[in-house]
Amino acid sequence: MGKLLGWVLVGLLVWVVWRFMVISKRRAERAKAGGSAGGEASPSSQGARRDTPVTDRTPVMMMQCVVCGVHLPSTEAIFSGGNVFCSEAHRNQGPPAHAGAAARRDES
């Protein structure tokens, strides 16, 4: 029984060391990729979770093409005649006939 407990403790120790190495590697990669400015406070000092990436980007609204139904960011969408298109080809094609009926149904 003593040998079994010893092997379990050795296995647990190996697992803890492995997890420590993985976490340290992730932190080093984030620090290298993020490169926060010297005067800024770190996310941990601001009370944020360490797992949550800090980004400067704001969320972008997603739009749906009236022709094919593809969802795309509003920054990449093409607007024409109150409709949203994913490409110039679909804008030139125009909305399908049923798109106007659906819009009229939603308005009433």
PDB file of N, CA and C in Angstrom:
ATOM      1  N   MET A   1       0.830  -1.200   0.000  1.00  0.00           N
ATOM      2  CA  MET A   1       0.000   0.000   0.000  1.00  0.00           C
ATOM      3  C   MET A   1       0.867   1.253   0.000  1.00  0.00           C
ATOM      4  N   GLY A   2       1.986   1.189   0.733  1.00  0.00           N
ATOM      5  CA  GLY A   2       2.895   2.330   0.814  1.00  0.00           C
ATOM      6  C   GLY A   2       3.526   2.655  -0.527  1.00  0.00           C
ATOM      7  N   LYS A   3       3.865   1.615  -1.302  1.00  0.00           N
ATOM      8  CA  LYS A   3       4.457   1.846  -2.623  1.00  0.00           C
ATOM      9  C   LYS A   3       3.440   2.496  -3.559  1.00  0.00           C
ATOM     10  N   LEU A   4       2.188   2.062  -3.488  1.00  0.00           N
ATOM     11  CA  LEU A   4       1.139   2.637  -4.326  1.00  0.00           C
ATOM     12  C   LEU A   4       0.958   4.116  -4.003  1.00  0.00           C
ATOM     13  N   LEU A   5       0.917   4.453  -2.748  1.00  0.00           N
ATOM     14  CA  LEU A   5       0.782   5.854  -2.338  1.00  0.00           C
ATOM     15  C   LEU A   5       1.987   6.671  -2.805  1.00  0.00           C
ATOM     16  N   GLY A   6       3.157   6.077  -2.746  1.00  0.00           N
ATOM     17  CA  GLY A   6       4.366   6.754  -3.227  1.00  0.00           C
ATOM     18  C   GLY A   6       4.298   7.049  -4.713  1.00  0.00           C
ATOM     19  N   TRP A   7       3.844   6.081  -5.515  1.00  0.00           N
ATOM     20  CA  TRP A   7       3.712   6.291  -6.960  1.00  0.00           C
ATOM     21  C   TRP A   7       2.651   7.341  -7.288  1.00  0.00           C
ATOM     22  N   VAL A   8       1.571   7.343  -6.519  1.00  0.00           N
ATOM     23  CA  VAL A   8       0.528   8.343  -6.728  1.00  0.00           C
ATOM     24  C   VAL A   8       1.091   9.739  -6.444  1.00  0.00           C
ATOM     25  N   LEU A   9       1.856   9.877  -5.378  1.00  0.00           N
ATOM     26  CA  LEU A   9       2.459  11.174  -5.053  1.00  0.00           C
ATOM     27  C   LEU A   9       3.469  11.606  -6.117  1.00  0.00           C
ATOM     28  N   VAL A  10       4.249  10.673  -6.640  1.00  0.00           N
ATOM     29  CA  VAL A  10       5.202  10.998  -7.705  1.00  0.00           C
ATOM     30  C   VAL A  10       4.447  11.449  -8.949  1.00  0.00           C
ATOM     31  N   GLY A  11       3.382  10.744  -9.295  1.00  0.00           N
ATOM     32  CA  GLY A  11       2.572  11.134 -10.456  1.00  0.00           C
ATOM     33  C   GLY A  11       1.963  12.508 -10.268  1.00  0.00           C
ATOM     34  N   LEU A  12       1.458  12.780  -9.079  1.00  0.00           N
ATOM     35  CA  LEU A  12       0.887  14.098  -8.788  1.00  0.00           C
ATOM     36  C   LEU A  12       1.950  15.185  -8.897  1.00  0.00           C
ATOM     37  N   LEU A  13       3.134  14.925  -8.395  1.00  0.00           N
ATOM     38  CA  LEU A  13       4.226  15.895  -8.478  1.00  0.00           C
ATOM     39  C   LEU A  13       4.610  16.163  -9.931  1.00  0.00           C
ATOM     40  N   VAL A  14       4.682  15.124 -10.745  1.00  0.00           N
ATOM     41  CA  VAL A  14       5.009  15.293 -12.162  1.00  0.00           C
ATOM     42  C   VAL A  14       3.935  16.127 -12.847  1.00  0.00           C
ATOM     43  N   TRP A  15       2.667  15.870 -12.540  1.00  0.00           N
ATOM     44  CA  TRP A  15       1.564  16.632 -13.138  1.00  0.00           C
ATOM     45  C   TRP A  15       1.631  18.103 -12.746  1.00  0.00           C
ATOM     46  N   VAL A  16       1.915  18.389 -11.467  1.00  0.00           N
ATOM     47  CA  VAL A  16       1.992  19.781 -10.996  1.00  0.00           C
ATOM     48  C   VAL A  16       3.139  20.510 -11.693  1.00  0.00           C
ATOM     49  N   VAL A  17       4.276  19.870 -11.816  1.00  0.00           N
ATOM     50  CA  VAL A  17       5.422  20.494 -12.499  1.00  0.00           C
ATOM     51  C   VAL A  17       5.089  20.743 -13.961  1.00  0.00           C
ATOM     52  N   TRP A  18       4.441  19.789 -14.628  1.00  0.00           N
ATOM     53  CA  TRP A  18       4.057  19.949 -16.029  1.00  0.00           C
ATOM     54  C   TRP A  18       3.092  21.123 -16.201  1.00  0.00           C
ATOM     55  N   ARG A  19       2.073  21.235 -15.332  1.00  0.00           N
ATOM     56  CA  ARG A  19       1.110  22.341 -15.409  1.00  0.00           C
ATOM     57  C   ARG A  19       1.816  23.679 -15.197  1.00  0.00           C
ATOM     58  N   PHE A  20       2.737  23.729 -14.255  1.00  0.00           N
ATOM     59  CA  PHE A  20       3.494  24.956 -14.005  1.00  0.00           C
ATOM     60  C   PHE A  20       4.275  25.368 -15.246  1.00  0.00           C
ATOM     61  N   MET A  21       4.867  24.414 -15.929  1.00  0.00           N
ATOM     62  CA  MET A  21       5.635  24.730 -17.133  1.00  0.00           C
ATOM     63  C   MET A  21       4.720  25.223 -18.250  1.00  0.00           C
ATOM     64  N   VAL A  22       3.550  24.612 -18.415  1.00  0.00           N
ATOM     65  CA  VAL A  22       2.610  25.022 -19.456  1.00  0.00           C
ATOM     66  C   VAL A  22       2.117  26.443 -19.190  1.00  0.00           C
ATOM     67  N   ILE A  23       1.757  26.727 -17.951  1.00  0.00           N
ATOM     68  CA  ILE A  23       1.267  28.060 -17.599  1.00  0.00           C
ATOM     69  C   ILE A  23       2.356  29.105 -17.794  1.00  0.00           C
ATOM     70  N   SER A  24       3.572  28.785 -17.395  1.00  0.00           N
ATOM     71  CA  SER A  24       4.679  29.727 -17.573  1.00  0.00           C
ATOM     72  C   SER A  24       4.928  30.011 -19.049  1.00  0.00           C
ATOM     73  N   LYS A  25       4.844  28.980 -19.881  1.00  0.00           N
ATOM     74  CA  LYS A  25       5.048  29.155 -21.318  1.00  0.00           C
ATOM     75  C   LYS A  25       3.967  30.049 -21.913  1.00  0.00           C
ATOM     76  N   ARG A  26       2.699  29.844 -21.512  1.00  0.00           N
ATOM     77  CA  ARG A  26       1.608  30.680 -22.009  1.00  0.00           C
ATOM     78  C   ARG A  26       1.788  32.137 -21.600  1.00  0.00           C
ATOM     79  N   ARG A  27       2.181  32.356 -20.360  1.00  0.00           N
ATOM     80  CA  ARG A  27       2.398  33.734 -19.897  1.00  0.00           C
ATOM     81  C   ARG A  27       3.528  34.406 -20.682  1.00  0.00           C
ATOM     82  N   ALA A  28       4.581  33.659 -20.952  1.00  0.00           N
ATOM     83  CA  ALA A  28       5.699  34.224 -21.701  1.00  0.00           C
ATOM     84  C   ALA A  28       5.267  34.563 -23.129  1.00  0.00           C
ATOM     85  N   GLU A  29       4.459  33.702 -23.754  1.00  0.00           N
ATOM     86  CA  GLU A  29       3.977  33.974 -25.109  1.00  0.00           C
ATOM     87  C   GLU A  29       3.067  35.187 -25.136  1.00  0.00           C
ATOM     88  N   ARG A  30       2.190  35.316 -24.130  1.00  0.00           N
ATOM     89  CA  ARG A  30       1.301  36.480 -24.066  1.00  0.00           C
ATOM     90  C   ARG A  30       2.090  37.765 -23.863  1.00  0.00           C
ATOM     91  N   ALA A  31       3.092  37.697 -23.000  1.00  0.00           N
ATOM     92  CA  ALA A  31       3.902  38.887 -22.748  1.00  0.00           C
ATOM     93  C   ALA A  31       4.674  39.279 -24.007  1.00  0.00           C
ATOM     94  N   LYS A  32       5.160  38.295 -24.719  1.00  0.00           N
ATOM     95  CA  LYS A  32       5.911  38.562 -25.940  1.00  0.00           C
ATOM     96  C   LYS A  32       4.999  39.115 -27.033  1.00  0.00           C
ATOM     97  N   ALA A  33       3.811  38.538 -27.177  1.00  0.00           N
ATOM     98  CA  ALA A  33       2.871  38.970 -28.211  1.00  0.00           C
ATOM     99  C   ALA A  33       2.190  40.276 -27.841  1.00  0.00           C
ATOM    100  N   GLY A  34       1.814  40.429 -26.573  1.00  0.00           N
ATOM    101  CA  GLY A  34       1.079  41.615 -26.132  1.00  0.00           C
ATOM    102  C   GLY A  34       1.955  42.835 -26.033  1.00  0.00           C
ATOM    103  N   GLY A  35       3.067  42.718 -25.378  1.00  0.00           N
ATOM    104  CA  GLY A  35       3.988  43.841 -25.221  1.00  0.00           C
ATOM    105  C   GLY A  35       3.315  45.086 -24.680  1.00  0.00           C
ATOM    106  N   SER A  36       2.763  45.002 -23.470  1.00  0.00           N
ATOM    107  CA  SER A  36       2.076  46.164 -22.910  1.00  0.00           C
ATOM    108  C   SER A  36       3.071  47.285 -22.660  1.00  0.00           C
ATOM    109  N   ALA A  37       2.572  48.522 -22.770  1.00  0.00           N
ATOM    110  CA  ALA A  37       3.417  49.699 -22.578  1.00  0.00           C
ATOM    111  C   ALA A  37       3.877  49.766 -21.136  1.00  0.00           C
ATOM    112  N   GLY A  38       5.003  50.399 -20.881  1.00  0.00           N
ATOM    113  CA  GLY A  38       5.589  50.455 -19.559  1.00  0.00           C
ATOM    114  C   GLY A  38       4.727  51.139 -18.525  1.00  0.00           C
ATOM    115  N   GLY A  39       3.979  52.194 -18.874  1.00  0.00           N
ATOM    116  CA  GLY A  39       3.226  52.944 -17.903  1.00  0.00           C
ATOM    117  C   GLY A  39       1.856  52.371 -17.609  1.00  0.00           C
ATOM    118  N   GLU A  40       1.401  51.428 -18.396  1.00  0.00           N
ATOM    119  CA  GLU A  40       0.063  50.894 -18.207  1.00  0.00           C
ATOM    120  C   GLU A  40       0.047  49.869 -17.087  1.00  0.00           C
ATOM    121  N   ALA A  41      -1.102  49.772 -16.422  1.00  0.00           N
ATOM    122  CA  ALA A  41      -1.264  48.771 -15.385  1.00  0.00           C
ATOM    123  C   ALA A  41      -1.558  47.424 -16.036  1.00  0.00           C
ATOM    124  N   SER A  42      -1.079  46.370 -15.408  1.00  0.00           N
ATOM    125  CA  SER A  42      -1.313  45.046 -15.951  1.00  0.00           C
ATOM    126  C   SER A  42      -2.751  44.628 -15.690  1.00  0.00           C
ATOM    127  N   PRO A  43      -3.291  43.689 -16.483  1.00  0.00           N
ATOM    128  CA  PRO A  43      -4.674  43.260 -16.277  1.00  0.00           C
ATOM    129  C   PRO A  43      -4.904  42.700 -14.883  1.00  0.00           C
ATOM    130  N   SER A  44      -3.899  41.989 -14.319  1.00  0.00           N
ATOM    131  CA  SER A  44      -4.097  41.414 -12.997  1.00  0.00           C
ATOM    132  C   SER A  44      -4.195  42.500 -11.930  1.00  0.00           C
ATOM    133  N   SER A  45      -3.523  43.627 -12.115  1.00  0.00           N
ATOM    134  CA  SER A  45      -3.617  44.695 -11.134  1.00  0.00           C
ATOM    135  C   SER A  45      -4.921  45.465 -11.266  1.00  0.00           C
ATOM    136  N   GLN A  46      -5.608  45.316 -12.394  1.00  0.00           N
ATOM    137  CA  GLN A  46      -6.888  45.969 -12.587  1.00  0.00           C
ATOM    138  C   GLN A  46      -8.036  45.085 -12.137  1.00  0.00           C
ATOM    139  N   GLY A  47      -7.757  43.882 -11.686  1.00  0.00           N
ATOM    140  CA  GLY A  47      -8.790  42.985 -11.222  1.00  0.00           C
ATOM    141  C   GLY A  47      -9.370  42.104 -12.307  1.00  0.00           C
ATOM    142  N   ALA A  48      -8.834  42.136 -13.502  1.00  0.00           N
ATOM    143  CA  ALA A  48      -9.344  41.310 -14.600  1.00  0.00           C
ATOM    144  C   ALA A  48      -8.830  39.884 -14.444  1.00  0.00           C
ATOM    145  N   ARG A  49      -9.563  38.944 -15.019  1.00  0.00           N
ATOM    146  CA  ARG A  49      -9.099  37.561 -14.995  1.00  0.00           C
ATOM    147  C   ARG A  49      -7.881  37.421 -15.882  1.00  0.00           C
ATOM    148  N   ARG A  50      -6.981  36.565 -15.505  1.00  0.00           N
ATOM    149  CA  ARG A  50      -5.763  36.370 -16.292  1.00  0.00           C
ATOM    150  C   ARG A  50      -6.053  35.670 -17.601  1.00  0.00           C
ATOM    151  N   ASP A  51      -7.126  34.868 -17.655  1.00  0.00           N
ATOM    152  CA  ASP A  51      -7.449  34.121 -18.865  1.00  0.00           C
ATOM    153  C   ASP A  51      -8.035  35.022 -19.945  1.00  0.00           C
ATOM    154  N   THR A  52      -8.596  36.162 -19.563  1.00  0.00           N
ATOM    155  CA  THR A  52      -9.273  37.031 -20.501  1.00  0.00           C
ATOM    156  C   THR A  52      -8.261  37.885 -21.253  1.00  0.00           C
ATOM    157  N   PRO A  53      -8.215  37.765 -22.585  1.00  0.00           N
ATOM    158  CA  PRO A  53      -7.280  38.599 -23.339  1.00  0.00           C
ATOM    159  C   PRO A  53      -7.751  40.050 -23.341  1.00  0.00           C
ATOM    160  N   VAL A  54      -6.811  40.961 -23.247  1.00  0.00           N
ATOM    161  CA  VAL A  54      -7.121  42.381 -23.273  1.00  0.00           C
ATOM    162  C   VAL A  54      -6.893  42.881 -24.690  1.00  0.00           C
ATOM    163  N   THR A  55      -7.950  43.428 -25.312  1.00  0.00           N
ATOM    164  CA  THR A  55      -7.829  43.933 -26.671  1.00  0.00           C
ATOM    165  C   THR A  55      -8.315  45.373 -26.720  1.00  0.00           C
ATOM    166  N   ASP A  56      -7.845  46.101 -27.698  1.00  0.00           N
ATOM    167  CA  ASP A  56      -8.263  47.483 -27.894  1.00  0.00           C
ATOM    168  C   ASP A  56      -9.409  47.574 -28.881  1.00  0.00           C
ATOM    169  N   ARG A  57      -9.779  46.475 -29.491  1.00  0.00           N
ATOM    170  CA  ARG A  57     -10.824  46.489 -30.509  1.00  0.00           C
ATOM    171  C   ARG A  57     -12.205  46.495 -29.857  1.00  0.00           C
ATOM    172  N   THR A  58     -13.110  47.228 -30.465  1.00  0.00           N
ATOM    173  CA  THR A  58     -14.487  47.241 -29.994  1.00  0.00           C
ATOM    174  C   THR A  58     -15.294  46.244 -30.822  1.00  0.00           C
ATOM    175  N   PRO A  59     -16.378  45.720 -30.278  1.00  0.00           N
ATOM    176  CA  PRO A  59     -17.190  44.762 -31.031  1.00  0.00           C
ATOM    177  C   PRO A  59     -17.781  45.404 -32.285  1.00  0.00           C
ATOM    178  N   VAL A  60     -17.924  44.607 -33.331  1.00  0.00           N
ATOM    179  CA  VAL A  60     -18.476  45.074 -34.601  1.00  0.00           C
ATOM    180  C   VAL A  60     -19.780  44.328 -34.847  1.00  0.00           C
ATOM    181  N   MET A  61     -20.796  45.058 -35.294  1.00  0.00           N
ATOM    182  CA  MET A  61     -22.085  44.432 -35.567  1.00  0.00           C
ATOM    183  C   MET A  61     -21.979  43.528 -36.787  1.00  0.00           C
ATOM    184  N   MET A  62     -22.611  42.354 -36.705  1.00  0.00           N
ATOM    185  CA  MET A  62     -22.628  41.423 -37.820  1.00  0.00           C
ATOM    186  C   MET A  62     -23.876  41.675 -38.657  1.00  0.00           C
ATOM    187  N   MET A  63     -23.732  41.595 -39.963  1.00  0.00           N
ATOM    188  CA  MET A  63     -24.820  41.824 -40.907  1.00  0.00           C
ATOM    189  C   MET A  63     -25.007  40.551 -41.733  1.00  0.00           C
ATOM    190  N   GLN A  64     -26.177  40.432 -42.375  1.00  0.00           N
ATOM    191  CA  GLN A  64     -26.460  39.260 -43.201  1.00  0.00           C
ATOM    192  C   GLN A  64     -26.775  39.696 -44.626  1.00  0.00           C
ATOM    193  N   CYS A  65     -26.106  39.089 -45.578  1.00  0.00           N
ATOM    194  CA  CYS A  65     -26.340  39.376 -46.996  1.00  0.00           C
ATOM    195  C   CYS A  65     -27.753  38.940 -47.363  1.00  0.00           C
ATOM    196  N   VAL A  66     -28.495  39.812 -48.063  1.00  0.00           N
ATOM    197  CA  VAL A  66     -29.867  39.471 -48.444  1.00  0.00           C
ATOM    198  C   VAL A  66     -29.917  38.440 -49.563  1.00  0.00           C
ATOM    199  N   VAL A  67     -28.825  38.259 -50.286  1.00  0.00           N
ATOM    200  CA  VAL A  67     -28.821  37.311 -51.405  1.00  0.00           C
ATOM    201  C   VAL A  67     -28.472  35.902 -50.930  1.00  0.00           C
ATOM    202  N   CYS A  68     -27.340  35.754 -50.259  1.00  0.00           N
ATOM    203  CA  CYS A  68     -26.870  34.415 -49.900  1.00  0.00           C
ATOM    204  C   CYS A  68     -27.004  34.089 -48.416  1.00  0.00           C
ATOM    205  N   GLY A  69     -27.243  35.088 -47.572  1.00  0.00           N
ATOM    206  CA  GLY A  69     -27.423  34.838 -46.152  1.00  0.00           C
ATOM    207  C   GLY A  69     -26.144  34.750 -45.349  1.00  0.00           C
ATOM    208  N   VAL A  70     -25.007  35.033 -45.963  1.00  0.00           N
ATOM    209  CA  VAL A  70     -23.730  34.982 -45.259  1.00  0.00           C
ATOM    210  C   VAL A  70     -23.671  36.112 -44.240  1.00  0.00           C
ATOM    211  N   HIS A  71     -23.184  35.814 -43.035  1.00  0.00           N
ATOM    212  CA  HIS A  71     -22.995  36.844 -42.015  1.00  0.00           C
ATOM    213  C   HIS A  71     -21.580  37.406 -42.141  1.00  0.00           C
ATOM    214  N   LEU A  72     -21.471  38.726 -42.076  1.00  0.00           N
ATOM    215  CA  LEU A  72     -20.179  39.379 -42.189  1.00  0.00           C
ATOM    216  C   LEU A  72     -20.179  40.634 -41.321  1.00  0.00           C
ATOM    217  N   PRO A  73     -18.990  41.104 -40.929  1.00  0.00           N
ATOM    218  CA  PRO A  73     -18.917  42.322 -40.120  1.00  0.00           C
ATOM    219  C   PRO A  73     -19.468  43.520 -40.890  1.00  0.00           C
ATOM    220  N   SER A  74     -20.076  44.457 -40.172  1.00  0.00           N
ATOM    221  CA  SER A  74     -20.648  45.636 -40.826  1.00  0.00           C
ATOM    222  C   SER A  74     -19.574  46.474 -41.506  1.00  0.00           C
ATOM    223  N   THR A  75     -18.333  46.347 -41.045  1.00  0.00           N
ATOM    224  CA  THR A  75     -17.246  47.099 -41.677  1.00  0.00           C
ATOM    225  C   THR A  75     -16.919  46.577 -43.070  1.00  0.00           C
ATOM    226  N   GLU A  76     -17.285  45.330 -43.354  1.00  0.00           N
ATOM    227  CA  GLU A  76     -17.011  44.737 -44.669  1.00  0.00           C
ATOM    228  C   GLU A  76     -18.260  44.659 -45.549  1.00  0.00           C
ATOM    229  N   ALA A  77     -19.414  44.990 -44.989  1.00  0.00           N
ATOM    230  CA  ALA A  77     -20.674  44.882 -45.731  1.00  0.00           C
ATOM    231  C   ALA A  77     -20.808  46.014 -46.735  1.00  0.00           C
ATOM    232  N   ILE A  78     -21.583  45.755 -47.783  1.00  0.00           N
ATOM    233  CA  ILE A  78     -21.890  46.752 -48.807  1.00  0.00           C
ATOM    234  C   ILE A  78     -23.377  47.072 -48.673  1.00  0.00           C
ATOM    235  N   PHE A  79     -23.681  48.349 -48.457  1.00  0.00           N
ATOM    236  CA  PHE A  79     -25.060  48.785 -48.260  1.00  0.00           C
ATOM    237  C   PHE A  79     -25.558  49.456 -49.534  1.00  0.00           C
ATOM    238  N   SER A  80     -26.765  49.089 -49.945  1.00  0.00           N
ATOM    239  CA  SER A  80     -27.358  49.680 -51.137  1.00  0.00           C
ATOM    240  C   SER A  80     -28.868  49.554 -51.052  1.00  0.00           C
ATOM    241  N   GLY A  81     -29.560  50.676 -51.139  1.00  0.00           N
ATOM    242  CA  GLY A  81     -31.020  50.664 -51.148  1.00  0.00           C
ATOM    243  C   GLY A  81     -31.625  50.066 -49.895  1.00  0.00           C
ATOM    244  N   GLY A  82     -31.004  50.255 -48.757  1.00  0.00           N
ATOM    245  CA  GLY A  82     -31.522  49.704 -47.509  1.00  0.00           C
ATOM    246  C   GLY A  82     -31.248  48.222 -47.329  1.00  0.00           C
ATOM    247  N   ASN A  83     -30.483  47.627 -48.213  1.00  0.00           N
ATOM    248  CA  ASN A  83     -30.140  46.215 -48.129  1.00  0.00           C
ATOM    249  C   ASN A  83     -28.654  46.051 -47.843  1.00  0.00           C
ATOM    250  N   VAL A  84     -28.291  44.872 -47.353  1.00  0.00           N
ATOM    251  CA  VAL A  84     -26.904  44.546 -47.041  1.00  0.00           C
ATOM    252  C   VAL A  84     -26.443  43.452 -47.996  1.00  0.00           C
ATOM    253  N   PHE A  85     -25.258  43.639 -48.562  1.00  0.00           N
ATOM    254  CA  PHE A  85     -24.694  42.667 -49.495  1.00  0.00           C
ATOM    255  C   PHE A  85     -23.285  42.308 -49.054  1.00  0.00           C
ATOM    256  N   CYS A  86     -22.856  41.093 -49.398  1.00  0.00           N
ATOM    257  CA  CYS A  86     -21.520  40.635 -49.030  1.00  0.00           C
ATOM    258  C   CYS A  86     -20.477  40.945 -50.110  1.00  0.00           C
ATOM    259  N   SER A  87     -20.924  41.211 -51.332  1.00  0.00           N
ATOM    260  CA  SER A  87     -19.973  41.475 -52.417  1.00  0.00           C
ATOM    261  C   SER A  87     -20.625  42.370 -53.465  1.00  0.00           C
ATOM    262  N   GLU A  88     -19.775  42.916 -54.325  1.00  0.00           N
ATOM    263  CA  GLU A  88     -20.275  43.741 -55.425  1.00  0.00           C
ATOM    264  C   GLU A  88     -21.145  42.919 -56.370  1.00  0.00           C
ATOM    265  N   ALA A  89     -20.790  41.659 -56.575  1.00  0.00           N
ATOM    266  CA  ALA A  89     -21.574  40.796 -57.468  1.00  0.00           C
ATOM    267  C   ALA A  89     -22.997  40.638 -56.943  1.00  0.00           C
ATOM    268  N   HIS A  90     -23.135  40.452 -55.646  1.00  0.00           N
ATOM    269  CA  HIS A  90     -24.477  40.309 -55.080  1.00  0.00           C
ATOM    270  C   HIS A  90     -25.215  41.650 -55.076  1.00  0.00           C
ATOM    271  N   ARG A  91     -24.497  42.758 -54.928  1.00  0.00           N
ATOM    272  CA  ARG A  91     -25.144  44.064 -55.011  1.00  0.00           C
ATOM    273  C   ARG A  91     -25.672  44.293 -56.422  1.00  0.00           C
ATOM    274  N   ASN A  92     -24.875  43.919 -57.419  1.00  0.00           N
ATOM    275  CA  ASN A  92     -25.308  44.062 -58.807  1.00  0.00           C
ATOM    276  C   ASN A  92     -26.474  43.133 -59.133  1.00  0.00           C
ATOM    277  N   GLN A  93     -26.495  41.967 -58.501  1.00  0.00           N
ATOM    278  CA  GLN A  93     -27.576  41.009 -58.718  1.00  0.00           C
ATOM    279  C   GLN A  93     -28.876  41.541 -58.111  1.00  0.00           C
ATOM    280  N   GLY A  94     -28.770  42.251 -57.018  1.00  0.00           N
ATOM    281  CA  GLY A  94     -29.949  42.806 -56.364  1.00  0.00           C
ATOM    282  C   GLY A  94     -30.565  41.811 -55.404  1.00  0.00           C
ATOM    283  N   PRO A  95     -31.448  42.307 -54.542  1.00  0.00           N
ATOM    284  CA  PRO A  95     -32.072  41.404 -53.572  1.00  0.00           C
ATOM    285  C   PRO A  95     -33.062  40.471 -54.253  1.00  0.00           C
ATOM    286  N   PRO A  96     -33.242  39.280 -53.711  1.00  0.00           N
ATOM    287  CA  PRO A  96     -34.230  38.377 -54.291  1.00  0.00           C
ATOM    288  C   PRO A  96     -35.641  38.926 -54.102  1.00  0.00           C
ATOM    289  N   ALA A  97     -36.571  38.448 -54.892  1.00  0.00           N
ATOM    290  CA  ALA A  97     -37.941  38.959 -54.858  1.00  0.00           C
ATOM    291  C   ALA A  97     -38.584  38.766 -53.494  1.00  0.00           C
ATOM    292  N   HIS A  98     -38.258  37.700 -52.795  1.00  0.00           N
ATOM    293  CA  HIS A  98     -38.876  37.443 -51.501  1.00  0.00           C
ATOM    294  C   HIS A  98     -38.304  38.309 -50.386  1.00  0.00           C
ATOM    295  N   ALA A  99     -37.176  38.987 -50.601  1.00  0.00           N
ATOM    296  CA  ALA A  99     -36.578  39.831 -49.563  1.00  0.00           C
ATOM    297  C   ALA A  99     -37.465  41.022 -49.255  1.00  0.00           C
ATOM    298  N   GLY A 100     -38.074  41.636 -50.265  1.00  0.00           N
ATOM    299  CA  GLY A 100     -38.945  42.775 -50.047  1.00  0.00           C
ATOM    300  C   GLY A 100     -40.212  42.374 -49.331  1.00  0.00           C
ATOM    301  N   ALA A 101     -40.757  41.193 -49.653  1.00  0.00           N
ATOM    302  CA  ALA A 101     -41.977  40.726 -49.003  1.00  0.00           C
ATOM    303  C   ALA A 101     -41.722  40.480 -47.531  1.00  0.00           C
ATOM    304  N   ALA A 102     -40.559  39.931 -47.205  1.00  0.00           N
ATOM    305  CA  ALA A 102     -40.237  39.675 -45.804  1.00  0.00           C
ATOM    306  C   ALA A 102     -40.080  40.984 -45.042  1.00  0.00           C
ATOM    307  N   ALA A 103     -39.475  41.974 -45.681  1.00  0.00           N
ATOM    308  CA  ALA A 103     -39.308  43.283 -45.033  1.00  0.00           C
ATOM    309  C   ALA A 103     -40.662  43.945 -44.794  1.00  0.00           C
ATOM    310  N   ARG A 104     -41.563  43.844 -45.774  1.00  0.00           N
ATOM    311  CA  ARG A 104     -42.892  44.437 -45.603  1.00  0.00           C
ATOM    312  C   ARG A 104     -43.668  43.709 -44.505  1.00  0.00           C
ATOM    313  N   ARG A 105     -43.505  42.399 -44.414  1.00  0.00           N
ATOM    314  CA  ARG A 105     -44.194  41.622 -43.394  1.00  0.00           C
ATOM    315  C   ARG A 105     -43.693  42.014 -41.998  1.00  0.00           C
ATOM    316  N   ASP A 106     -42.382  42.265 -41.838  1.00  0.00           N
ATOM    317  CA  ASP A 106     -41.815  42.666 -40.551  1.00  0.00           C
ATOM    318  C   ASP A 106     -42.284  44.043 -40.123  1.00  0.00           C
ATOM    319  N   GLU A 107     -42.511  44.938 -41.073  1.00  0.00           N
ATOM    320  CA  GLU A 107     -42.921  46.307 -40.754  1.00  0.00           C
ATOM    321  C   GLU A 107     -44.357  46.361 -40.238  1.00  0.00           C
ATOM    322  N   SER A 108     -45.224  45.455 -40.687  1.00  0.00           N
ATOM    323  CA  SER A 108     -46.626  45.515 -40.278  1.00  0.00           C
ATOM    324  C   SER A 108     -46.905  44.760 -39.003  1.00  0.00           C
TER     325      SER A 108
END
